[in-house]
Protein backbone atom coordinates (compact mmCIF):
# COMPACT_ATOMS: atom_id res chain seq x y z
CA MET A 1 0.00 0.00 0.00
CA GLN A 2 1.59 3.23 -1.15
CA ILE A 3 0.89 6.80 -0.12
CA GLU A 4 0.45 8.71 -3.35
CA SER A 5 1.02 12.41 -4.04
CA LEU A 6 3.12 12.53 -0.89
CA ILE A 7 4.14 15.99 0.32
CA ILE A 8 6.56 16.45 3.23
CA CYS A 9 6.54 19.90 4.77
CA PRO A 10 9.93 21.63 5.21
CA GLU A 11 11.32 21.96 8.76
CA THR A 12 9.20 19.04 10.04
CA LYS A 13 8.41 15.44 9.10
CA ALA A 14 4.73 16.34 8.58
CA ARG A 15 3.28 14.50 5.56
CA ALA A 16 0.15 14.74 3.44
CA GLY A 17 -0.96 12.32 0.74
CA GLU A 18 -3.53 9.66 0.02
CA PHE A 19 -3.80 5.91 -0.27
CA LYS A 20 -6.40 3.66 -1.85
CA THR A 21 -8.60 0.89 -0.54
CA ASP A 22 -11.37 -0.89 -2.41
CA HIS A 23 -13.89 1.06 -0.32
CA GLY A 24 -12.42 4.45 -1.16
CA LYS A 25 -9.41 6.74 -1.02
CA ILE A 26 -8.10 8.06 2.29
CA GLN A 27 -6.47 11.47 2.52
CA THR A 28 -3.78 11.76 5.18
CA PRO A 29 -3.22 12.75 7.89
CA VAL A 30 -6.47 11.13 8.96
CA PHE A 31 -8.34 10.45 12.19
CA MET A 32 -10.37 7.23 12.51
CA PRO A 33 -13.43 7.25 14.81
CA VAL A 34 -13.61 4.09 16.92
CA GLY A 35 -16.57 1.76 16.39
CA THR A 36 -15.61 -0.88 18.95
CA ALA A 37 -18.67 -3.11 18.59
CA GLY A 38 -19.59 -2.19 15.03
CA SER A 39 -20.94 1.25 15.96
CA VAL A 40 -19.35 4.61 16.73
CA LYS A 41 -21.31 5.32 19.90
CA SER A 42 -24.52 7.33 19.31
CA LEU A 43 -23.70 8.01 15.64
CA SER A 44 -25.16 6.43 12.49
CA PRO A 45 -23.13 5.73 9.35
CA GLN A 46 -24.82 8.75 7.75
CA ASP A 47 -23.75 10.89 10.72
CA LEU A 48 -20.17 9.70 10.21
CA THR A 49 -20.30 10.57 6.52
CA ASP A 50 -21.75 14.00 7.32
CA THR A 51 -18.95 14.76 9.78
CA GLY A 52 -16.30 13.91 7.16
CA SER A 53 -15.25 10.47 8.42
CA GLN A 54 -13.11 8.69 5.81
CA ILE A 55 -12.39 5.43 7.67
CA ILE A 56 -13.52 3.89 10.95
CA LEU A 57 -12.11 1.29 13.31
CA GLY A 58 -13.67 -1.98 14.54
CA ASN A 59 -12.50 -4.25 17.34
CA THR A 60 -11.61 -7.88 16.76
CA TYR A 61 -11.94 -8.98 20.39
CA HIS A 62 -15.37 -7.45 21.03
CA LEU A 63 -16.87 -8.51 17.69
CA LEU A 64 -15.57 -12.05 18.17
CA LEU A 65 -17.45 -12.32 21.45
CA ARG A 66 -20.56 -10.56 20.20
CA PRO A 67 -22.17 -11.09 17.72
CA GLY A 68 -19.62 -13.77 16.70
CA MET A 69 -18.10 -14.67 13.37
CA ASP A 70 -20.89 -16.99 12.19
CA ILE A 71 -23.30 -14.08 12.24
CA MET A 72 -20.70 -11.74 10.76
CA GLN A 73 -20.07 -14.07 7.80
CA SER A 74 -23.77 -14.66 7.20
CA ALA A 75 -24.22 -10.88 7.07
CA GLY A 76 -21.47 -10.57 4.46
CA GLY A 77 -18.89 -8.89 6.69
CA LEU A 78 -18.75 -5.84 8.89
CA HIS A 79 -19.37 -3.30 6.11
CA LYS A 80 -22.76 -4.82 5.31
CA PHE A 81 -23.58 -5.68 8.90
CA MET A 82 -23.30 -2.03 10.01
CA SER A 83 -24.18 -0.42 6.65
CA TRP A 84 -20.90 1.48 6.38
CA LYS A 85 -19.68 1.94 2.80
CA GLY A 86 -16.27 3.41 3.54
CA PRO A 87 -13.00 1.76 4.58
CA ILE A 88 -12.65 -0.08 7.89
CA LEU A 89 -9.54 -0.89 9.93
CA THR A 90 -9.72 -3.64 12.53
CA ASP A 91 -7.29 -4.12 15.39
CA SER A 92 -5.83 -7.54 16.09
CA GLY A 93 -7.18 -8.15 19.58
CA GLY A 94 -3.67 -7.72 20.98
CA TYR A 95 -4.55 -4.58 22.91
CA GLN A 96 -7.16 -6.53 24.90
CA VAL A 97 -4.34 -8.90 25.89
CA PHE A 98 -2.83 -5.86 27.57
CA SER A 99 -5.97 -4.17 28.92
CA LEU A 100 -7.59 -7.38 30.23
CA GLY A 101 -4.36 -8.89 31.51
CA LYS A 102 -5.91 -10.47 34.60
CA MET A 103 -8.21 -12.55 32.40
CA ASN A 104 -5.73 -14.21 30.07
CA LYS A 105 -2.74 -16.52 29.75
CA ILE A 106 -0.02 -15.75 27.20
CA THR A 107 2.04 -18.53 25.60
CA GLU A 108 4.15 -18.85 22.47
CA ALA A 109 1.07 -20.11 20.64
CA GLY A 110 -1.04 -17.09 21.53
CA VAL A 111 -3.47 -16.08 24.25
CA VAL A 112 -6.17 -17.96 26.12
CA PHE A 113 -8.58 -15.43 27.60
CA GLN A 114 -11.77 -15.32 29.58
CA SER A 115 -14.68 -13.32 28.15
CA HIS A 116 -15.58 -10.24 30.15
CA LEU A 117 -19.21 -10.87 29.10
CA ASP A 118 -19.91 -14.38 30.36
CA GLY A 119 -16.64 -15.89 31.58
CA SER A 120 -16.31 -18.29 28.64
CA ARG A 121 -12.77 -19.12 27.52
CA HIS A 122 -11.40 -18.42 24.05
CA SER A 123 -8.11 -18.69 22.19
CA LEU A 124 -6.55 -15.94 20.15
CA THR A 125 -3.47 -16.70 18.05
CA PRO A 126 -1.94 -14.93 15.05
CA GLU A 127 -3.76 -17.32 12.74
CA ILE A 128 -7.10 -17.01 14.54
CA SER A 129 -6.78 -13.21 14.54
CA MET A 130 -6.26 -13.28 10.77
CA ASP A 131 -9.27 -15.59 10.33
CA ILE A 132 -11.45 -13.26 12.40
CA GLN A 133 -10.36 -10.23 10.43
CA ARG A 134 -10.99 -12.10 7.18
CA SER A 135 -14.51 -12.75 8.49
CA LEU A 136 -14.92 -9.09 9.39
CA GLY A 137 -13.72 -8.09 5.92
CA SER A 138 -11.87 -4.98 7.05
CA ASP A 139 -9.84 -3.10 4.47
CA ILE A 140 -6.87 -2.83 6.82
CA VAL A 141 -5.98 -5.79 9.03
CA MET A 142 -3.60 -5.54 11.98
CA ALA A 143 -1.01 -8.21 12.74
CA PHE A 144 -1.37 -9.95 16.10
CA ASP A 145 0.88 -8.39 18.74
CA GLU A 146 1.41 -8.08 22.47
CA CYS A 147 1.08 -4.56 23.81
CA THR A 148 3.88 -4.08 26.34
CA SER A 149 2.70 -2.68 29.67
CA TYR A 150 4.17 0.46 31.22
CA PRO A 151 6.39 0.56 33.13
CA ALA A 152 8.37 -2.40 31.86
CA THR A 153 12.03 -3.25 32.37
CA ARG A 154 14.20 -3.33 29.29
CA GLU A 155 14.44 -7.13 29.57
CA ALA A 156 10.66 -7.53 29.81
CA ALA A 157 10.15 -5.10 26.91
CA GLN A 158 12.55 -7.07 24.72
CA ILE A 159 10.95 -10.41 25.55
CA SER A 160 7.55 -8.95 24.67
CA MET A 161 8.87 -7.34 21.49
CA ASP A 162 10.53 -10.56 20.32
CA LEU A 163 7.30 -12.48 20.93
CA THR A 164 5.41 -9.82 18.96
CA HIS A 165 7.84 -10.20 16.04
CA ARG A 166 7.30 -13.97 15.97
CA TRP A 167 3.54 -13.52 16.14
CA GLU A 168 3.62 -10.89 13.41
CA LEU A 169 5.68 -13.11 11.12
CA ARG A 170 3.09 -15.86 11.63
CA SER A 171 0.32 -13.33 10.96
CA LEU A 172 1.96 -12.29 7.71
CA LYS A 173 2.61 -15.85 6.55
CA TYR A 174 -0.94 -16.98 7.29
CA PHE A 175 -2.45 -13.83 5.79
CA ARG A 176 -0.60 -14.50 2.55
CA GLU A 177 -1.82 -18.11 2.52
CA THR A 178 -5.49 -17.15 2.84
CA LYS A 179 -7.87 -15.12 0.69
CA PRO A 180 -10.45 -12.40 1.34
CA LEU A 181 -14.03 -13.59 1.73
CA TYR A 182 -16.06 -10.79 0.21
CA GLY A 183 -14.41 -9.83 -3.06
CA HIS A 184 -12.40 -6.82 -1.94
CA ARG A 185 -8.71 -6.47 -1.07
CA GLN A 186 -7.47 -6.57 2.50
CA GLN A 187 -4.06 -5.21 3.47
CA LEU A 188 -1.97 -6.07 6.51
CA PHE A 189 -0.15 -3.65 8.82
CA GLY A 190 2.67 -4.62 11.19
CA ILE A 191 2.90 -3.10 14.67
CA VAL A 192 6.14 -1.70 16.10
CA GLN A 193 6.71 -2.36 19.81
CA GLY A 194 9.61 -1.80 22.22
CA SER A 195 8.13 0.26 25.07
CA VAL A 196 10.09 3.47 25.82
CA TYR A 197 13.51 2.07 24.84
CA PRO A 198 14.84 3.77 21.67
CA GLU A 199 17.17 0.93 20.76
CA LEU A 200 14.30 -1.58 20.93
CA ARG A 201 12.03 0.67 18.88
CA LYS A 202 14.74 0.91 16.21
CA VAL A 203 15.13 -2.87 16.10
CA SER A 204 11.38 -3.40 15.92
CA ALA A 205 10.85 -0.82 13.17
CA GLN A 206 13.63 -2.30 11.04
CA THR A 207 12.54 -5.90 11.66
CA LEU A 208 8.99 -5.18 10.52
CA THR A 209 10.18 -3.11 7.56
CA ASP A 210 12.23 -6.12 6.44
CA MET A 211 9.09 -8.29 6.65
CA ASP A 212 7.46 -6.00 4.05
CA PHE A 213 4.00 -5.26 5.41
CA ASP A 214 1.48 -3.10 3.53
CA GLY A 215 1.72 -0.42 6.22
CA TYR A 216 2.99 0.07 9.76
CA ALA A 217 1.57 0.97 13.13
CA ILE A 218 3.30 2.26 16.25
CA GLY A 219 1.85 0.38 19.21
CA GLY A 220 2.49 0.23 22.93
CA LEU A 221 2.27 3.99 23.45
CA SER A 222 -0.36 6.11 25.17
CA VAL A 223 -0.51 3.39 27.85
CA GLY A 224 0.61 5.50 30.80
CA GLU A 225 4.09 6.63 29.79
CA PRO A 226 5.05 10.34 29.95
CA LYS A 227 3.99 12.26 26.86
CA GLU A 228 7.57 13.19 26.05
CA ASP A 229 8.47 9.50 25.87
CA MET A 230 5.56 8.92 23.49
CA TYR A 231 6.76 11.69 21.19
CA ALA A 232 10.39 10.55 21.41
CA MET A 233 9.56 6.94 20.50
CA THR A 234 7.37 8.11 17.62
CA ASP A 235 10.19 10.28 16.33
CA VAL A 236 12.63 7.36 16.45
CA VAL A 237 10.29 5.00 14.61
CA THR A 238 9.22 7.35 11.81
CA ASP A 239 12.89 7.88 10.92
CA ILE A 240 13.09 4.17 10.03
CA LEU A 241 9.71 3.20 8.58
CA PRO A 242 9.34 3.39 4.77
CA GLN A 243 8.60 6.87 3.46
CA ASP A 244 6.02 5.74 0.93
CA GLN A 245 3.78 3.65 3.21
CA PRO A 246 1.22 4.65 5.86
CA ARG A 247 2.27 5.12 9.50
CA TYR A 248 -0.40 4.71 12.17
CA LEU A 249 0.00 5.81 15.82
CA MET A 250 -2.43 3.60 17.72
CA GLY A 251 -4.79 4.96 20.39
CA VAL A 252 -3.79 8.64 20.10
CA GLY A 253 -5.30 10.93 21.12
CA LYS A 254 -5.94 14.48 22.23
CA PRO A 255 -5.94 17.31 19.66
CA GLU A 256 -2.57 18.56 20.88
CA ASP A 257 -1.15 15.02 20.52
CA LEU A 258 -2.37 14.82 16.93
CA VAL A 259 -0.65 18.08 15.97
CA LYS A 260 2.64 17.03 17.59
CA ALA A 261 2.54 13.52 16.10
CA VAL A 262 1.75 14.79 12.59
CA ALA A 263 4.88 16.94 12.89
CA LEU A 264 6.78 13.70 13.62
CA GLY A 265 5.61 12.01 10.42
CA VAL A 266 2.48 10.10 11.47
CA ASP A 267 -0.36 9.63 8.95
CA MET A 268 -3.17 7.85 10.84
CA PHE A 269 -4.72 8.04 14.30
CA ASP A 270 -7.59 6.53 16.28
CA CYS A 271 -8.96 7.22 19.74
CA VAL A 272 -12.21 6.89 21.70
CA LEU A 273 -11.62 10.35 23.20
CA PRO A 274 -13.89 12.51 21.01
CA THR A 275 -16.97 10.38 21.59
CA ARG A 276 -16.14 9.42 25.19
CA ASN A 277 -15.53 13.04 26.17
CA ALA A 278 -18.69 14.08 24.33
CA ARG A 279 -20.73 11.77 26.54
CA HIS A 280 -19.25 13.56 29.56
CA GLY A 281 -19.93 17.04 28.21
CA ILE A 282 -16.36 17.89 27.19
CA MET A 283 -16.45 19.56 23.79
CA PHE A 284 -13.44 20.38 21.63
CA THR A 285 -13.01 23.77 19.95
CA TRP A 286 -10.13 25.65 18.37
CA ASP A 287 -9.82 27.64 21.60
CA GLY A 288 -9.57 24.49 23.70
CA PRO A 289 -11.96 22.06 25.38
CA ILE A 290 -15.21 23.32 26.94
CA SER A 291 -17.29 21.70 29.67
CA VAL A 292 -20.76 22.38 28.32
CA LYS A 293 -22.19 21.04 31.60
CA ALA A 294 -20.60 23.90 33.54
CA ALA A 295 -22.96 26.34 35.29
CA ARG A 296 -21.46 29.24 33.34
CA GLU A 297 -23.04 27.82 30.15
CA LYS A 298 -26.64 27.62 31.41
CA ASN A 299 -27.68 30.97 29.91
CA VAL A 300 -25.31 31.11 26.92
CA HIS A 301 -27.54 31.10 23.85
CA GLU A 302 -24.64 30.83 21.42
CA PRO A 303 -23.18 27.77 19.68
CA LEU A 304 -20.10 25.96 20.87
CA ASP A 305 -18.21 27.54 17.98
CA ALA A 306 -19.80 30.24 15.82
CA ASN A 307 -17.49 29.34 12.93
CA CYS A 308 -18.17 25.59 13.02
CA ASN A 309 -20.50 24.25 10.33
CA CYS A 310 -21.37 20.98 12.06
CA TYR A 311 -25.04 20.17 12.59
CA THR A 312 -24.80 20.80 16.33
CA CYS A 313 -23.24 24.26 16.10
CA GLN A 314 -25.54 25.30 13.28
CA ASN A 315 -28.69 24.51 15.24
CA PHE A 316 -28.18 24.40 19.01
CA SER A 317 -26.83 26.61 21.79
CA ARG A 318 -24.56 25.81 24.69
CA ALA A 319 -27.47 26.46 27.04
CA TYR A 320 -29.60 23.87 25.23
CA LEU A 321 -26.85 21.27 25.28
CA ARG A 322 -26.34 21.85 29.01
CA HIS A 323 -30.07 21.52 29.55
CA LEU A 324 -30.09 18.16 27.73
CA PHE A 325 -27.25 16.90 29.89
CA LYS A 326 -28.93 18.01 33.11
CA ALA A 327 -32.22 16.44 31.96
CA ASN A 328 -30.46 13.18 30.99
CA GLU A 329 -31.85 13.41 27.46
CA LEU A 330 -30.24 10.87 25.12
CA LEU A 331 -30.22 13.32 22.20
CA VAL A 332 -27.27 15.16 23.73
CA PHE A 333 -24.95 12.18 23.26
CA ARG A 334 -25.52 12.32 19.51
CA LEU A 335 -25.26 16.12 19.28
CA ALA A 336 -22.10 16.26 21.38
CA SER A 337 -20.47 13.37 19.50
CA LEU A 338 -21.33 14.93 16.13
CA HIS A 339 -19.52 18.09 17.10
CA ASN A 340 -16.41 16.42 18.52
CA ILE A 341 -15.95 14.05 15.58
CA HIS A 342 -16.48 16.97 13.19
CA PHE A 343 -13.86 19.00 15.06
CA TYR A 344 -11.29 16.19 14.84
CA HIS A 345 -11.84 15.88 11.09
CA GLU A 346 -11.67 19.65 10.69
CA LEU A 347 -8.35 19.67 12.56
CA MET A 348 -6.92 16.95 10.32
CA ALA A 349 -8.13 18.75 7.18
CA ALA A 350 -6.52 21.98 8.37
CA MET A 351 -3.23 20.16 8.90
CA ARG A 352 -3.43 18.60 5.45
CA THR A 353 -3.96 22.03 3.93
CA ALA A 354 -1.09 23.54 5.89
CA ILE A 355 1.29 20.75 4.85
CA GLN A 356 0.29 21.07 1.22
CA ALA A 357 0.88 24.81 1.39
CA GLY A 358 4.28 24.32 3.05
CA ASN A 359 3.39 26.27 6.19
CA PHE A 360 2.76 23.56 8.77
CA PRO A 361 5.28 25.06 11.26
CA SER A 362 3.32 28.31 11.42
CA PHE A 363 0.05 26.36 11.67
CA ARG A 364 1.45 24.44 14.63
CA THR A 365 2.57 27.64 16.35
CA ASP A 366 -0.80 29.30 15.79
CA PHE A 367 -2.64 26.23 17.05
CA PHE A 368 -0.78 26.10 20.36
CA ASN A 369 -0.97 29.87 20.83
CA ARG A 370 -4.76 29.60 20.62
CA TYR A 371 -5.56 26.20 22.10
CA ASN A 372 -6.11 26.54 25.87
CA LEU A 373 -5.96 23.16 27.60
CA LYS A 374 -7.46 24.54 30.83
CA ARG A 375 -10.73 25.89 29.46
CA ALA A 376 -12.79 22.82 30.32
CA GLY A 377 -12.89 23.53 34.07
CA GLY A 378 -15.87 25.04 35.81
CA THR A 379 -18.69 24.30 38.24
CA VAL A 380 -21.34 21.92 36.93
């Protein structure tokens, strides 16, 4: 998978381009809303299209447990099951190995885990992960990996990284031996690990590059490490990964993280933050996050952002949104999520434009001069 029309902005590693899937082109840098269980919470596929979503993410672990792959295959794959016509990326299930660590056993073969839903036991191996993602029919498939916990000693990080490399090689071999189920291409990304150790990150990035995946992800970050370590490891890895293939920083993140990571050469991002924060009344704007539940908003009959053309800002005031939250009206989850997802896509589009114009450094400076991280406080 190649990034076409690639532009790299002077003075940074910021990149803009596009790559193709059978369900459409993706312009980078791009943010992917997270649809864990086959739905981006509170939003319909039409809502996602209206906000500018190009690609969404689905979760192998959760969809395996419910509804299960028999139902997924009888539906014709995840695209048809959820009526989403655009590209889909699915994770490998490896992150749940990390996040549900008390419920699993890791061996060379893979992972045996206990369902958080009903306690039933399941196996997840590189081969099974590939089979599941074939059944889901995602456009971008992730190799099976182990997400290293933080903190981890260098020895533990290397053991985990080496296991990931063996699992990823098995993923790649099995993926190449099998075929898609629904008539469209699927492409496989490798995942760089190595915790916060630069020398391990370098080894992992080069090892996966030598395996020749279709694209590459940077995993094992945004798991509790200091932000500066996250940026430093990203910087190390993007110096090694191929220039002409997509780079994906997994699970990131806040708007300020996206701007900094784009400057380091990252093309793709995903995070539950915009929809999760929306459900708690935290709204993102160019001036920083706002707590729309705060008492100071109860008589503000103005939109979240007068210059925003999302459905929420075009039709509803801060006072109304606060009222919906206080009244526990379900509509507010949709309206808040629409705005936050729209803002994330607007931010990515603005960065693409700045990179293409060659002025990303000034865009970055202007963004941080304006974006106030402390605006969300206030009495509710």
